[in-house]
Amino acid sequence: MQDVDINMSEKDIELMQEKIDAGILLAQKRLKEKVIREDGELVVMRDGKVTHITAVDLEEE
């Protein structure tokens, strides 16, 4: 395996972070769409408590 120079500029880091953030938002959007399409339910942790979110609740957001 080749050694890679990992010295990234602040701009490179900022661009990479923007891409990561965009990917996370896209994944969240697709998950919501899937839950709504399948009339399912999401189980998430909010404020240290397990919370169930129905497809109806997601449609209202």
N, C-alpha and C. Protein backbone atom coordinates (compact mmCIF):
# COMPACT_ATOMS: atom_id res chain seq x y z
N MET A 1 0.84 -1.17 0.00
CA MET A 1 0.00 0.00 0.00
C MET A 1 0.89 1.24 0.00
N GLN A 2 0.49 2.25 -0.77
CA GLN A 2 1.28 3.46 -0.87
C GLN A 2 1.05 4.37 0.33
N ASP A 3 2.11 5.08 0.70
CA ASP A 3 1.96 6.11 1.72
C ASP A 3 1.28 7.31 1.07
N VAL A 4 0.30 7.87 1.75
CA VAL A 4 -0.43 9.01 1.22
C VAL A 4 -0.15 10.21 2.10
N ASP A 5 0.09 11.36 1.47
CA ASP A 5 0.31 12.59 2.22
C ASP A 5 -1.04 13.06 2.74
N ILE A 6 -1.22 13.11 4.05
CA ILE A 6 -2.50 13.42 4.66
C ILE A 6 -2.60 14.89 5.06
N ASN A 7 -1.67 15.70 4.63
CA ASN A 7 -1.71 17.11 4.97
C ASN A 7 -2.82 17.80 4.18
N MET A 8 -3.92 18.07 4.86
CA MET A 8 -5.07 18.70 4.22
C MET A 8 -5.15 20.15 4.66
N SER A 9 -5.49 21.01 3.72
CA SER A 9 -5.65 22.41 4.07
C SER A 9 -6.98 22.59 4.79
N GLU A 10 -7.14 23.73 5.41
CA GLU A 10 -8.41 24.03 6.09
C GLU A 10 -9.57 23.98 5.10
N LYS A 11 -9.34 24.44 3.88
CA LYS A 11 -10.38 24.43 2.85
C LYS A 11 -10.75 23.01 2.48
N ASP A 12 -9.75 22.12 2.36
CA ASP A 12 -10.01 20.72 2.05
C ASP A 12 -10.85 20.07 3.15
N ILE A 13 -10.51 20.38 4.39
CA ILE A 13 -11.24 19.83 5.53
C ILE A 13 -12.67 20.34 5.53
N GLU A 14 -12.84 21.63 5.25
CA GLU A 14 -14.17 22.23 5.21
C GLU A 14 -15.02 21.59 4.10
N LEU A 15 -14.44 21.39 2.93
CA LEU A 15 -15.17 20.76 1.82
C LEU A 15 -15.55 19.32 2.15
N MET A 16 -14.63 18.60 2.78
CA MET A 16 -14.93 17.22 3.16
C MET A 16 -16.06 17.18 4.18
N GLN A 17 -16.04 18.09 5.15
CA GLN A 17 -17.09 18.14 6.17
C GLN A 17 -18.44 18.45 5.54
N GLU A 18 -18.45 19.35 4.55
CA GLU A 18 -19.69 19.68 3.85
C GLU A 18 -20.25 18.45 3.12
N LYS A 19 -19.37 17.67 2.51
CA LYS A 19 -19.80 16.45 1.82
C LYS A 19 -20.35 15.43 2.81
N ILE A 20 -19.70 15.30 3.94
CA ILE A 20 -20.17 14.36 4.98
C ILE A 20 -21.54 14.80 5.48
N ASP A 21 -21.70 16.09 5.77
CA ASP A 21 -22.98 16.61 6.24
C ASP A 21 -24.08 16.38 5.21
N ALA A 22 -23.78 16.63 3.93
CA ALA A 22 -24.76 16.42 2.87
C ALA A 22 -25.15 14.95 2.78
N GLY A 23 -24.19 14.05 2.95
CA GLY A 23 -24.47 12.62 2.93
C GLY A 23 -25.36 12.19 4.08
N ILE A 24 -25.13 12.74 5.25
CA ILE A 24 -25.96 12.42 6.42
C ILE A 24 -27.39 12.91 6.20
N LEU A 25 -27.54 14.13 5.69
CA LEU A 25 -28.88 14.66 5.42
C LEU A 25 -29.61 13.82 4.37
N LEU A 26 -28.90 13.37 3.34
CA LEU A 26 -29.51 12.53 2.32
C LEU A 26 -29.95 11.19 2.91
N ALA A 27 -29.12 10.60 3.76
CA ALA A 27 -29.47 9.33 4.40
C ALA A 27 -30.70 9.48 5.29
N GLN A 28 -30.78 10.59 6.04
CA GLN A 28 -31.95 10.85 6.87
C GLN A 28 -33.21 11.00 6.03
N LYS A 29 -33.09 11.73 4.92
CA LYS A 29 -34.24 11.95 4.03
C LYS A 29 -34.73 10.62 3.47
N ARG A 30 -33.79 9.79 3.01
CA ARG A 30 -34.17 8.49 2.44
C ARG A 30 -34.79 7.57 3.48
N LEU A 31 -34.28 7.62 4.71
CA LEU A 31 -34.85 6.80 5.77
C LEU A 31 -36.28 7.23 6.08
N LYS A 32 -36.51 8.54 6.18
CA LYS A 32 -37.87 9.04 6.41
C LYS A 32 -38.81 8.61 5.29
N GLU A 33 -38.35 8.75 4.04
CA GLU A 33 -39.18 8.36 2.90
C GLU A 33 -39.53 6.89 2.95
N LYS A 34 -38.57 6.06 3.33
CA LYS A 34 -38.79 4.61 3.42
C LYS A 34 -39.80 4.28 4.51
N VAL A 35 -39.67 4.92 5.66
CA VAL A 35 -40.60 4.66 6.77
C VAL A 35 -42.01 5.08 6.37
N ILE A 36 -42.13 6.23 5.72
CA ILE A 36 -43.44 6.70 5.28
C ILE A 36 -44.02 5.75 4.23
N ARG A 37 -43.20 5.37 3.24
CA ARG A 37 -43.66 4.49 2.16
C ARG A 37 -44.14 3.14 2.70
N GLU A 38 -43.45 2.63 3.72
CA GLU A 38 -43.78 1.31 4.28
C GLU A 38 -44.72 1.40 5.48
N ASP A 39 -45.16 2.63 5.79
CA ASP A 39 -46.02 2.87 6.95
C ASP A 39 -45.40 2.25 8.21
N GLY A 40 -44.12 2.52 8.37
CA GLY A 40 -43.36 1.93 9.46
C GLY A 40 -43.22 2.85 10.66
N GLU A 41 -42.15 2.62 11.40
CA GLU A 41 -41.90 3.36 12.62
C GLU A 41 -40.40 3.45 12.84
N LEU A 42 -39.94 4.61 13.28
CA LEU A 42 -38.55 4.80 13.65
C LEU A 42 -38.43 4.72 15.16
N VAL A 43 -37.35 4.13 15.62
CA VAL A 43 -37.07 4.10 17.05
C VAL A 43 -35.75 4.86 17.23
N VAL A 44 -35.81 5.95 17.98
CA VAL A 44 -34.64 6.81 18.16
C VAL A 44 -34.45 7.12 19.64
N MET A 45 -33.27 7.62 19.95
CA MET A 45 -32.97 8.04 21.32
C MET A 45 -33.05 9.56 21.36
N ARG A 46 -33.92 10.10 22.21
CA ARG A 46 -34.05 11.54 22.40
C ARG A 46 -33.96 11.85 23.89
N ASP A 47 -33.05 12.71 24.23
CA ASP A 47 -32.87 13.12 25.63
C ASP A 47 -32.71 11.91 26.55
N GLY A 48 -32.00 10.90 26.06
CA GLY A 48 -31.73 9.72 26.87
C GLY A 48 -32.89 8.75 26.99
N LYS A 49 -33.96 8.98 26.21
CA LYS A 49 -35.14 8.10 26.26
C LYS A 49 -35.41 7.53 24.88
N VAL A 50 -35.84 6.28 24.82
CA VAL A 50 -36.20 5.64 23.56
C VAL A 50 -37.56 6.19 23.13
N THR A 51 -37.62 6.67 21.89
CA THR A 51 -38.84 7.28 21.36
C THR A 51 -39.22 6.59 20.05
N HIS A 52 -40.50 6.33 19.88
CA HIS A 52 -41.03 5.74 18.65
C HIS A 52 -41.68 6.85 17.83
N ILE A 53 -41.31 6.93 16.56
CA ILE A 53 -41.88 7.94 15.66
C ILE A 53 -42.60 7.22 14.54
N THR A 54 -43.89 7.44 14.43
CA THR A 54 -44.67 6.76 13.41
C THR A 54 -44.54 7.47 12.07
N ALA A 55 -44.95 6.77 11.01
CA ALA A 55 -44.92 7.36 9.67
C ALA A 55 -45.82 8.59 9.61
N VAL A 56 -46.93 8.57 10.32
CA VAL A 56 -47.84 9.73 10.33
C VAL A 56 -47.14 10.93 10.93
N ASP A 57 -46.39 10.73 12.01
CA ASP A 57 -45.64 11.83 12.63
C ASP A 57 -44.58 12.38 11.68
N LEU A 58 -43.94 11.52 10.92
CA LEU A 58 -42.93 11.96 9.96
C LEU A 58 -43.54 12.77 8.82
N GLU A 59 -44.74 12.38 8.40
CA GLU A 59 -45.41 13.11 7.32
C GLU A 59 -45.76 14.52 7.76
N GLU A 60 -46.02 14.71 9.04
CA GLU A 60 -46.40 16.02 9.56
C GLU A 60 -45.22 16.96 9.66
N GLU A 61 -44.00 16.43 9.72
CA GLU A 61 -42.80 17.26 9.87
C GLU A 61 -42.53 18.05 8.62
